[in-house]
Amino acid sequence: MRNKEIIDELVSSYLLGDISKEDFHILTHKISESKEIHDFVRNLIEIWFSTKVIYDRTDYNKNAAFKRFKDLVGYKEPIRKKWRTVIITVAAITLLFLIPFSFYTRDNRLQMKQLMEISVPDGSRLNLALPDGTKITLNSGSKLTYSRGFGITNRDVSLIGEAWFNVKPNKKIPFVVNTKHVRMTDLGTRFFFHDYPMDRTLRVKLVEGSISVHNNIVTTNDLVMRFGETVIMNKETGEMHKVKTPVSTLKENDMDIMVFDDIPLQEIVRILSRTYGIEVTVTEASKNKCFYGRFNRKYSSFQDVIDNLASTNALHYRRKGNGYILY
């Protein structure tokens, strides 16, 4: 019983966001000791979130919800430590606010499964730290989703779009990135990932450590990436191949780079809209015109890019309301 009381307190500290590194290590170690403890912790977390879902369908009263959590688990106030109010989020997520973003949870009543979702609007970028200490930079038009058990029962995330990962090492709980096309697993590393829904290719660049890449499209052996390698997947066929990353680009911020490698203008328009947060359209007659170019968002403005493309005399543009139309 005493063991469960200790776990109660550790889980509560975790949910409140004030758990120390030492206590977090103790909690994860205890979870790995037995399935009983693993399930017990999972149930505690489910109770925490389900009280919000069941009782607070409109305005979320965090004090009342937390009291219900303590009542349901039979928690008794420790003498040495006072409960404090949850300020912004649950599950100890720390966000470094660079841009506006949407953050919400979705309820699946049958499974009692709560998800955290972070979305970044076009023209923006977000730096964040997950509960396990993993640091992520999400690029514009990207979305990251993870469960309430992240950092304790799993370290799985789902991603749509583009992100830089600096993964905190943890040999007991691998870090997993799930997408429609691949599943990437590693223990602690740094890598760049690119997979926007409308793009024809997926790209992973490994800067540090190693990654195992599982192909979700075709049946094949998992592909192991080493330092300095880039994997490119054709999302239509599922074909993957590794290339050596040029040393000069290993430290380059891929989120700033736009490469137009003989791609049609309709794709370029989509990239420009997403990158700069500006509405850009293209006429039917010009949408299949192809262009080459390499631009760095850090140094090239939207105007710089379209002026450069227009200098080929194969493209013209004009303002249309708050956006542009290319023809």
Protein backbone atom coordinates (compact mmCIF):
# COMPACT_ATOMS: atom_id res chain seq x y z
CA MET A 1 0.00 0.00 0.00
CA ARG A 2 2.82 2.38 0.89
CA ASN A 3 4.27 1.81 -2.59
CA LYS A 4 1.02 2.95 -4.22
CA GLU A 5 0.88 6.01 -1.98
CA ILE A 6 4.35 6.96 -3.19
CA ILE A 7 3.28 6.47 -6.80
CA ASP A 8 0.14 8.55 -6.15
CA GLU A 9 2.30 11.44 -5.03
CA LEU A 10 4.76 11.05 -7.92
CA VAL A 11 1.96 10.97 -10.51
CA SER A 12 0.32 14.00 -8.90
CA SER A 13 3.59 15.93 -9.07
CA TYR A 14 3.97 14.89 -12.71
CA LEU A 15 0.47 16.11 -13.60
CA LEU A 16 1.02 19.38 -11.74
CA GLY A 17 4.27 19.97 -13.60
CA ASP A 18 6.54 20.23 -10.56
CA ILE A 19 8.11 16.77 -10.56
CA SER A 20 11.89 16.76 -10.14
CA LYS A 21 14.25 14.87 -12.42
CA GLU A 22 15.02 12.44 -9.60
CA ASP A 23 11.35 11.75 -8.87
CA PHE A 24 10.58 11.40 -12.57
CA HIS A 25 13.32 8.77 -12.83
CA ILE A 26 11.88 6.95 -9.80
CA LEU A 27 8.39 7.00 -11.33
CA THR A 28 9.50 5.61 -14.71
CA HIS A 29 11.59 2.96 -12.95
CA LYS A 30 8.63 1.82 -10.85
CA ILE A 31 6.41 1.60 -13.94
CA SER A 32 8.88 -0.78 -15.55
CA GLU A 33 8.89 -3.07 -12.50
CA SER A 34 5.54 -4.76 -13.15
CA LYS A 35 2.43 -4.67 -15.31
CA GLU A 36 0.35 -4.04 -12.18
CA ILE A 37 2.16 -0.78 -11.44
CA HIS A 38 2.12 0.16 -15.12
CA ASP A 39 -1.68 -0.25 -15.25
CA PHE A 40 -2.13 1.50 -11.90
CA VAL A 41 -0.31 4.61 -13.15
CA ARG A 42 -2.21 4.54 -16.42
CA ASN A 43 -5.50 4.42 -14.52
CA LEU A 44 -4.51 7.37 -12.33
CA ILE A 45 -3.78 9.47 -15.38
CA GLU A 46 -7.01 8.37 -17.05
CA ILE A 47 -8.97 9.41 -13.96
CA TRP A 48 -7.31 12.83 -14.04
CA PHE A 49 -8.31 13.48 -17.63
CA SER A 50 -11.69 11.74 -17.50
CA THR A 51 -12.85 13.98 -14.64
CA LYS A 52 -12.42 16.91 -16.99
CA VAL A 53 -14.19 15.11 -19.83
CA ILE A 54 -17.13 13.75 -17.84
CA TYR A 55 -17.90 16.64 -15.53
CA ASP A 56 -16.61 19.75 -17.28
CA ARG A 57 -18.11 19.74 -20.77
CA THR A 58 -18.05 23.54 -21.06
CA ASP A 59 -15.97 25.56 -18.63
CA TYR A 60 -13.13 23.59 -17.09
CA ASN A 61 -12.95 24.15 -13.33
CA LYS A 62 -9.43 22.90 -12.67
CA ASN A 63 -9.72 23.10 -8.88
CA ALA A 64 -12.93 21.04 -8.77
CA ALA A 65 -11.55 18.53 -11.30
CA PHE A 66 -8.39 18.07 -9.27
CA LYS A 67 -10.41 17.58 -6.08
CA ARG A 68 -12.40 14.83 -7.84
CA PHE A 69 -9.12 13.26 -8.90
CA LYS A 70 -7.90 13.17 -5.28
CA ASP A 71 -11.24 11.84 -4.03
CA LEU A 72 -11.35 9.06 -6.63
CA VAL A 73 -7.86 7.79 -5.86
CA GLY A 74 -8.25 8.26 -2.11
CA TYR A 75 -5.41 10.74 -1.96
CA LYS A 76 -4.57 12.25 1.45
CA GLU A 77 -2.83 15.60 1.68
CA PRO A 78 0.85 15.17 2.63
CA ILE A 79 2.04 17.30 5.53
CA ARG A 80 5.29 18.29 3.93
CA LYS A 81 3.79 19.57 0.69
CA LYS A 82 0.76 21.64 -0.23
CA TRP A 83 -1.23 21.12 -3.42
CA ARG A 84 -1.05 24.03 -5.79
CA THR A 85 -3.22 25.05 -8.71
CA VAL A 86 -2.55 23.79 -12.22
CA ILE A 87 -1.67 26.94 -14.12
CA ILE A 88 -1.89 26.28 -17.86
CA THR A 89 -1.59 22.68 -18.97
CA VAL A 90 -1.63 19.11 -17.77
CA ALA A 91 0.97 16.41 -18.31
CA ALA A 92 3.78 18.86 -17.49
CA ILE A 93 4.12 20.20 -21.03
CA THR A 94 6.38 23.24 -21.34
CA LEU A 95 5.80 25.52 -24.34
CA LEU A 96 8.14 28.29 -25.41
CA PHE A 97 5.71 30.67 -27.10
CA LEU A 98 7.07 32.03 -30.37
CA ILE A 99 3.76 32.15 -32.27
CA PRO A 100 0.03 31.60 -31.71
CA PHE A 101 -0.94 27.95 -31.78
CA SER A 102 -3.93 25.76 -31.08
CA PHE A 103 -3.78 23.34 -28.16
CA TYR A 104 -6.70 21.10 -27.31
CA THR A 105 -7.66 17.65 -26.19
CA ARG A 106 -10.09 15.26 -27.85
CA ASP A 107 -12.29 12.78 -26.07
CA ASN A 108 -12.88 9.19 -27.07
CA ARG A 109 -15.41 8.11 -24.45
CA LEU A 110 -15.26 4.40 -25.26
CA GLN A 111 -11.49 4.14 -24.90
CA MET A 112 -11.10 6.99 -22.39
CA LYS A 113 -8.18 8.06 -24.55
CA GLN A 114 -7.12 11.68 -24.40
CA LEU A 115 -4.79 13.24 -26.96
CA MET A 116 -2.79 16.43 -26.87
CA GLU A 117 -2.61 18.20 -30.22
CA ILE A 118 -0.41 21.16 -31.15
CA SER A 119 -0.95 22.89 -34.49
CA VAL A 120 1.16 25.64 -36.06
CA PRO A 121 -0.48 28.04 -38.55
CA ASP A 122 1.04 28.95 -41.91
CA GLY A 123 3.85 31.48 -41.74
CA SER A 124 4.68 30.57 -38.12
CA ARG A 125 7.02 28.34 -36.15
CA LEU A 126 6.91 26.89 -32.64
CA ASN A 127 9.55 25.67 -30.20
CA LEU A 128 8.35 23.32 -27.48
CA ALA A 129 9.62 20.86 -24.89
CA LEU A 130 7.78 17.61 -24.17
CA PRO A 131 7.43 16.21 -20.61
CA ASP A 132 10.43 13.89 -21.08
CA GLY A 133 12.74 16.78 -21.99
CA THR A 134 12.68 16.19 -25.76
CA LYS A 135 12.86 19.49 -27.65
CA ILE A 136 10.97 20.00 -30.91
CA THR A 137 10.66 22.82 -33.41
CA LEU A 138 7.46 22.60 -35.47
CA ASN A 139 7.40 24.37 -38.80
CA SER A 140 4.45 26.22 -40.34
CA GLY A 141 1.41 24.13 -41.28
CA SER A 142 2.52 21.25 -39.01
CA LYS A 143 0.68 19.27 -36.34
CA LEU A 144 2.02 17.16 -33.47
CA THR A 145 -0.13 14.74 -31.44
CA TYR A 146 0.73 12.64 -28.38
CA SER A 147 -1.12 10.83 -25.61
CA ARG A 148 -1.55 11.66 -21.93
CA GLY A 149 0.81 8.83 -21.00
CA PHE A 150 3.74 10.39 -22.89
CA GLY A 151 6.98 10.16 -20.96
CA ILE A 152 5.65 7.56 -18.52
CA THR A 153 3.99 4.72 -20.41
CA ASN A 154 5.25 5.63 -23.88
CA ARG A 155 7.09 8.26 -25.91
CA ASP A 156 5.02 8.06 -29.09
CA VAL A 157 4.11 11.11 -31.16
CA SER A 158 2.28 11.51 -34.46
CA LEU A 159 3.40 14.20 -36.88
CA ILE A 160 2.05 15.86 -39.99
CA GLY A 161 4.37 18.37 -41.62
CA GLU A 162 7.92 19.33 -40.73
CA ALA A 163 9.91 19.32 -37.49
CA TRP A 164 13.34 19.25 -35.88
CA PHE A 165 13.72 16.75 -33.03
CA ASN A 166 16.29 16.79 -30.25
CA VAL A 167 15.35 13.58 -28.44
CA LYS A 168 16.14 13.05 -24.76
CA PRO A 169 17.89 9.68 -24.29
CA ASN A 170 15.87 6.94 -22.56
CA LYS A 171 16.88 3.33 -23.22
CA LYS A 172 13.82 1.92 -21.47
CA ILE A 173 11.23 3.91 -23.46
CA PRO A 174 12.19 4.52 -27.11
CA PHE A 175 11.01 7.70 -28.81
CA VAL A 176 8.68 6.92 -31.74
CA VAL A 177 7.45 9.21 -34.51
CA ASN A 178 4.39 7.88 -36.34
CA THR A 179 3.19 9.13 -39.72
CA LYS A 180 0.98 7.74 -42.45
CA HIS A 181 4.04 6.55 -44.36
CA VAL A 182 6.71 5.59 -41.81
CA ARG A 183 7.39 4.82 -38.15
CA MET A 184 10.72 6.08 -36.82
CA THR A 185 12.23 4.77 -33.58
CA ASP A 186 15.27 6.01 -31.65
CA LEU A 187 16.61 6.25 -28.11
CA GLY A 188 18.18 9.70 -28.19
CA THR A 189 19.25 11.69 -31.22
CA ARG A 190 18.74 14.76 -33.38
CA PHE A 191 17.00 14.61 -36.72
CA PHE A 192 14.92 16.58 -39.20
CA PHE A 193 11.65 15.22 -40.59
CA HIS A 194 9.59 16.43 -43.56
CA ASP A 195 6.24 14.97 -44.67
CA TYR A 196 3.52 17.40 -45.68
CA PRO A 197 0.38 15.63 -46.99
CA MET A 198 0.49 17.08 -50.53
CA ASP A 199 4.22 16.51 -51.09
CA ARG A 200 5.36 13.65 -53.29
CA THR A 201 8.35 12.75 -51.13
CA LEU A 202 9.19 12.27 -47.45
CA ARG A 203 12.61 13.19 -46.09
CA VAL A 204 14.51 12.39 -42.89
CA LYS A 205 17.94 13.88 -42.16
CA LEU A 206 19.91 12.45 -39.24
CA VAL A 207 22.29 14.84 -37.49
CA GLU A 208 23.19 12.76 -34.42
CA GLY A 209 22.68 9.18 -33.17
CA SER A 210 20.81 6.51 -35.11
CA ILE A 211 17.21 5.85 -36.19
CA SER A 212 15.26 2.81 -37.32
CA VAL A 213 12.77 3.65 -40.09
CA HIS A 214 9.85 1.27 -40.68
CA ASN A 215 8.08 1.47 -44.05
CA ASN A 216 4.27 1.59 -43.65
CA ILE A 217 3.58 1.44 -47.39
CA VAL A 218 5.45 -1.66 -48.54
CA THR A 219 6.73 -4.72 -46.67
CA THR A 220 10.50 -4.52 -46.33
CA ASN A 221 13.22 -4.63 -43.72
CA ASP A 222 13.48 -1.63 -41.43
CA LEU A 223 16.07 0.85 -42.61
CA VAL A 224 18.71 1.89 -40.06
CA MET A 225 20.07 5.42 -40.41
CA ARG A 226 23.45 6.53 -39.13
CA PHE A 227 24.97 9.95 -38.51
CA GLY A 228 25.10 12.11 -41.62
CA GLU A 229 22.57 10.14 -43.69
CA THR A 230 19.35 11.31 -45.33
CA VAL A 231 16.47 9.03 -46.28
CA ILE A 232 14.11 10.00 -49.08
CA MET A 233 10.84 8.14 -49.70
CA ASN A 234 8.63 8.19 -52.77
CA LYS A 235 5.24 8.28 -51.05
CA GLU A 236 3.42 6.85 -54.05
CA THR A 237 5.56 3.71 -54.42
CA GLY A 238 6.98 3.43 -50.90
CA GLU A 239 10.51 3.19 -52.28
CA MET A 240 13.14 4.47 -49.84
CA HIS A 241 16.81 5.15 -50.41
CA LYS A 242 19.65 6.56 -48.31
CA VAL A 243 22.06 9.26 -49.40
CA LYS A 244 25.05 10.79 -47.66
CA THR A 245 24.25 14.27 -46.40
CA PRO A 246 26.79 16.89 -47.57
CA VAL A 247 28.87 18.07 -44.62
CA SER A 248 28.11 21.68 -45.54
CA THR A 249 24.39 21.15 -44.94
CA LEU A 250 24.54 19.08 -41.74
CA LYS A 251 24.20 22.17 -39.55
CA GLU A 252 21.85 23.90 -41.95
CA ASN A 253 18.34 24.63 -40.70
CA ASP A 254 16.24 22.68 -43.20
CA MET A 255 13.13 24.58 -42.16
CA ASP A 256 14.55 27.72 -43.77
CA ILE A 257 15.38 26.05 -47.09
CA MET A 258 13.01 25.90 -50.07
CA VAL A 259 14.23 23.84 -53.03
CA PHE A 260 12.32 23.95 -56.31
CA ASP A 261 13.75 21.11 -58.36
CA ASP A 262 11.83 21.30 -61.63
CA ILE A 263 8.51 21.27 -59.78
CA PRO A 264 5.23 22.70 -61.16
CA LEU A 265 4.07 26.14 -60.13
CA GLN A 266 1.01 24.73 -58.36
CA GLU A 267 3.36 23.03 -55.87
CA ILE A 268 5.52 26.12 -55.53
CA VAL A 269 2.42 28.18 -54.72
CA ARG A 270 1.51 25.74 -51.93
CA ILE A 271 5.02 25.95 -50.44
CA LEU A 272 5.06 29.77 -50.57
CA SER A 273 1.63 30.04 -48.94
CA ARG A 274 2.64 27.69 -46.14
CA THR A 275 6.08 29.24 -45.58
CA TYR A 276 5.13 32.92 -45.59
CA GLY A 277 1.49 32.72 -44.51
CA ILE A 278 0.38 34.63 -47.62
CA GLU A 279 -2.51 33.61 -49.85
CA VAL A 280 -1.08 32.72 -53.25
CA THR A 281 -2.98 31.26 -56.21
CA VAL A 282 -2.03 30.32 -59.76
CA THR A 283 -4.00 30.40 -62.98
CA GLU A 284 -5.01 27.17 -64.69
CA ALA A 285 -2.86 28.02 -67.71
CA SER A 286 0.32 28.39 -65.62
CA LYS A 287 -0.06 25.77 -62.89
CA ASN A 288 2.08 23.15 -64.69
CA LYS A 289 5.00 25.43 -65.55
CA CYS A 290 8.11 24.07 -63.82
CA PHE A 291 10.87 26.03 -62.13
CA TYR A 292 14.23 25.54 -60.47
CA GLY A 293 15.48 27.49 -57.48
CA ARG A 294 16.90 27.34 -53.99
CA PHE A 295 15.91 29.94 -51.41
CA ASN A 296 16.60 30.53 -47.74
CA ARG A 297 13.60 31.86 -45.85
CA LYS A 298 15.92 33.53 -43.37
CA TYR A 299 17.36 35.82 -46.06
CA SER A 300 14.74 35.79 -48.85
CA SER A 301 11.37 37.46 -48.41
CA PHE A 302 8.27 36.37 -50.28
CA GLN A 303 8.78 39.31 -52.63
CA ASP A 304 12.39 38.23 -53.27
CA VAL A 305 11.26 34.74 -54.28
CA ILE A 306 8.51 35.74 -56.72
CA ASP A 307 10.69 38.48 -58.22
CA ASN A 308 13.40 35.87 -58.82
CA LEU A 309 10.91 33.49 -60.48
CA ALA A 310 9.48 36.31 -62.55
CA SER A 311 12.97 37.24 -63.81
CA THR A 312 12.82 34.12 -66.00
CA ASN A 313 10.07 35.85 -68.03
CA ALA A 314 8.04 32.63 -67.74
CA LEU A 315 6.04 33.98 -64.81
CA HIS A 316 4.08 37.12 -63.95
CA TYR A 317 2.20 38.10 -60.81
CA ARG A 318 -0.24 40.68 -59.50
CA ARG A 319 -1.80 41.56 -56.17
CA LYS A 320 -5.26 40.14 -55.47
CA GLY A 321 -6.81 41.46 -52.26
CA ASN A 322 -4.45 40.49 -49.44
CA GLY A 323 -2.68 37.91 -51.58
CA TYR A 324 -1.12 37.29 -54.96
CA ILE A 325 -2.05 35.52 -58.17
CA LEU A 326 0.66 34.03 -60.39
CA TYR A 327 0.15 33.59 -64.11
